[in-house]
Amino acid sequence: MNLRLLLALACAVTLAGWLASTAAACHSEIAASLDCQGNVSFTATAWDGSDATSASRTNSDVRVSVSTNGSTWTEIKKDHFGSDNGYKFSGTYAAGSATVVWVKVQEAARWGNGDAIASARIVKITKGSCSSPPPPPPPPVCASRRSAPMARSRTATSRSTAARTGLT
């Protein structure tokens, strides 16, 4: 009796491991960044594991969505993975003044090899330090440089000469 229970348990564990590895095989990956102007850049890619094939990386309906609160999502791109686009696609999104953005990729169709839709992949991105650069330093002043004496205007010189000589 114990042997049957042990054998059943071993089969269950093996089956669960096999199902988990199979389910994890076909999925989308997402990489994203957020710049100081609030622009999100992203690239969605089909999983490329050691046993990936063209069929297991092909999906006709892949969607990218964004959220600024982690719960309300806005779809920003619908595309596909195929040999024609290298099993990836990219895009941008203007997030405005948001300092944190979540980017999600999710398949909406079965994979080319028939595998089911995988769980969504989500990445949280944060705007980095975006302070303004310091102002440039003032131009150097040479210590040996002296101001030239101001030249008198010709009119002022003529008047003072006229005043001394009594001519006006």
Protein backbone atom coordinates (compact mmCIF):
# COMPACT_ATOMS: atom_id res chain seq x y z
CA MET A 1 0.00 0.00 0.00
CA ASN A 2 2.79 2.44 0.84
CA LEU A 3 4.51 1.59 -2.42
CA ARG A 4 1.38 2.55 -4.42
CA LEU A 5 1.07 5.83 -2.56
CA LEU A 6 4.73 6.59 -3.11
CA LEU A 7 4.46 5.74 -6.82
CA ALA A 8 1.32 7.88 -7.22
CA LEU A 9 3.05 10.78 -5.48
CA ALA A 10 6.12 10.45 -7.71
CA CYS A 11 3.92 10.44 -10.83
CA ALA A 12 2.01 13.49 -9.62
CA VAL A 13 5.21 15.43 -8.93
CA THR A 14 6.68 14.47 -12.29
CA LEU A 15 3.50 15.43 -14.14
CA ALA A 16 3.29 18.77 -12.29
CA GLY A 17 6.92 19.55 -13.17
CA TRP A 18 6.38 18.65 -16.80
CA LEU A 19 3.21 20.77 -17.01
CA ALA A 20 4.93 23.72 -15.35
CA SER A 21 7.89 23.60 -17.72
CA THR A 22 5.59 23.24 -20.73
CA ALA A 23 3.36 26.11 -19.58
CA ALA A 24 6.36 28.35 -18.96
CA ALA A 25 7.82 27.70 -22.41
CA CYS A 26 5.65 29.95 -24.62
CA HIS A 27 5.32 33.45 -23.20
CA SER A 28 6.04 37.08 -23.96
CA GLU A 29 8.79 39.14 -22.37
CA ILE A 30 8.69 42.91 -21.88
CA ALA A 31 11.50 45.43 -21.36
CA ALA A 32 10.78 49.12 -20.84
CA SER A 33 12.28 52.43 -19.72
CA LEU A 34 10.93 55.85 -18.69
CA ASP A 35 12.90 58.97 -19.56
CA CYS A 36 12.88 62.37 -17.84
CA GLN A 37 10.39 63.80 -20.34
CA GLY A 38 7.84 61.10 -19.44
CA ASN A 39 8.34 58.96 -22.55
CA VAL A 40 8.04 55.20 -22.14
CA SER A 41 10.00 53.03 -24.61
CA PHE A 42 9.28 49.31 -24.69
CA THR A 43 10.17 46.12 -26.54
CA ALA A 44 8.03 42.99 -26.39
CA THR A 45 9.76 39.73 -27.34
CA ALA A 46 8.66 36.13 -27.71
CA TRP A 47 10.38 33.77 -25.29
CA ASP A 48 13.55 32.29 -26.80
CA GLY A 49 14.47 29.32 -24.63
CA SER A 50 16.80 26.52 -25.66
CA ASP A 51 13.93 24.42 -27.00
CA ALA A 52 12.09 27.31 -28.72
CA THR A 53 11.00 26.80 -32.32
CA SER A 54 9.57 29.15 -34.90
CA ALA A 55 6.08 27.81 -34.12
CA SER A 56 6.52 28.19 -30.34
CA ARG A 57 7.62 31.82 -30.81
CA THR A 58 4.85 32.79 -33.25
CA ASN A 59 1.76 34.56 -31.95
CA SER A 60 -0.72 36.48 -34.10
CA ASP A 61 -2.13 38.74 -31.37
CA VAL A 62 0.08 40.29 -28.67
CA ARG A 63 -0.93 43.41 -26.76
CA VAL A 64 0.99 45.92 -24.67
CA SER A 65 -0.78 48.03 -22.04
CA VAL A 66 0.34 50.65 -19.53
CA SER A 67 -0.84 51.79 -16.12
CA THR A 68 0.19 54.67 -13.89
CA ASN A 69 -1.49 53.19 -10.81
CA GLY A 70 -0.92 49.44 -11.28
CA SER A 71 -4.60 48.59 -11.63
CA THR A 72 -6.19 50.54 -14.50
CA TRP A 73 -4.71 49.53 -17.87
CA THR A 74 -4.68 51.28 -21.25
CA GLU A 75 -3.80 49.26 -24.35
CA ILE A 76 -1.17 51.14 -26.35
CA LYS A 77 -0.09 48.60 -28.99
CA LYS A 78 -1.41 45.48 -30.68
CA ASP A 79 1.06 43.53 -32.81
CA HIS A 80 2.37 40.00 -33.40
CA PHE A 81 5.45 37.83 -33.05
CA GLY A 82 6.69 36.21 -36.24
CA SER A 83 9.75 35.56 -38.31
CA ASP A 84 8.97 38.75 -40.27
CA ASN A 85 9.63 40.97 -37.22
CA GLY A 86 12.25 38.83 -35.49
CA TYR A 87 9.64 37.69 -32.91
CA LYS A 88 9.60 41.15 -31.32
CA PHE A 89 8.17 44.64 -31.66
CA SER A 90 8.78 48.00 -30.00
CA GLY A 91 6.95 51.23 -29.35
CA THR A 92 6.69 54.38 -27.27
CA TYR A 93 4.07 55.97 -25.07
CA ALA A 94 3.87 59.49 -23.60
CA ALA A 95 3.22 59.04 -19.85
CA GLY A 96 3.36 62.78 -19.09
CA SER A 97 4.32 63.65 -15.54
CA ALA A 98 4.01 60.07 -14.22
CA THR A 99 7.03 59.01 -12.16
CA VAL A 100 6.05 55.32 -12.09
CA VAL A 101 4.57 53.30 -14.96
CA TRP A 102 3.69 49.62 -15.22
CA VAL A 103 4.03 48.05 -18.69
CA LYS A 104 2.25 44.76 -19.43
CA VAL A 105 2.50 42.35 -22.35
CA GLN A 106 -0.20 39.73 -22.88
CA GLU A 107 -1.00 37.35 -25.70
CA ALA A 108 -4.60 37.31 -26.91
CA ALA A 109 -4.24 34.23 -29.16
CA ARG A 110 -2.78 30.75 -28.79
CA TRP A 111 0.84 30.27 -29.80
CA GLY A 112 1.73 28.93 -33.26
CA ASN A 113 2.45 25.47 -31.82
CA GLY A 114 -0.96 25.37 -30.12
CA ASP A 115 0.21 26.26 -26.61
CA ALA A 116 -2.24 28.21 -24.46
CA ILE A 117 -1.99 31.89 -23.60
CA ALA A 118 0.51 32.47 -20.78
CA SER A 119 0.16 34.78 -17.80
CA ALA A 120 0.79 38.45 -18.48
CA ARG A 121 4.30 39.74 -17.87
CA ILE A 122 4.49 43.10 -16.12
CA VAL A 123 7.44 45.39 -15.50
CA LYS A 124 7.37 48.43 -13.20
CA ILE A 125 9.54 51.32 -14.37
CA THR A 126 10.46 54.46 -12.45
CA LYS A 127 11.64 57.81 -13.69
CA GLY A 128 15.23 58.30 -12.59
CA SER A 129 16.85 61.40 -11.18
CA CYS A 130 15.83 64.11 -13.59
CA SER A 131 17.19 67.24 -11.99
CA SER A 132 18.39 69.99 -14.25
CA PRO A 133 22.10 70.04 -14.91
CA PRO A 134 24.02 72.74 -13.03
CA PRO A 135 24.52 76.01 -14.92
CA PRO A 136 27.82 76.41 -16.73
CA PRO A 137 30.57 78.19 -14.80
CA PRO A 138 31.15 81.88 -15.55
CA PRO A 139 33.94 82.68 -18.00
CA PRO A 140 37.36 83.06 -16.43
CA VAL A 141 38.65 86.55 -15.64
CA CYS A 142 42.35 87.19 -16.07
CA ALA A 143 43.96 89.05 -13.14
CA SER A 144 46.46 90.87 -15.40
CA ARG A 145 43.76 92.26 -17.64
CA ARG A 146 43.07 95.94 -16.92
CA SER A 147 40.37 98.20 -18.18
CA ALA A 148 41.51 100.72 -20.76
CA PRO A 149 40.97 104.35 -19.75
CA MET A 150 37.87 105.85 -21.24
CA ALA A 151 38.61 108.17 -24.10
CA ARG A 152 37.11 111.60 -23.90
CA SER A 153 34.63 112.49 -26.51
CA ARG A 154 35.73 115.04 -29.06
CA THR A 155 32.81 117.32 -28.18
CA ALA A 156 33.74 117.39 -24.49
CA THR A 157 37.38 118.14 -25.36
CA SER A 158 36.38 120.97 -27.71
CA ARG A 159 34.15 122.56 -25.06
CA SER A 160 36.81 122.45 -22.35
CA THR A 161 39.39 123.96 -24.76
CA ALA A 162 36.94 126.67 -25.71
CA ALA A 163 36.20 127.46 -22.07
CA ARG A 164 39.91 127.85 -21.28
CA THR A 165 40.54 130.13 -24.17
CA GLY A 166 37.37 132.14 -23.67
CA LEU A 167 35.84 131.09 -26.97
CA THR A 168 32.33 129.80 -26.91
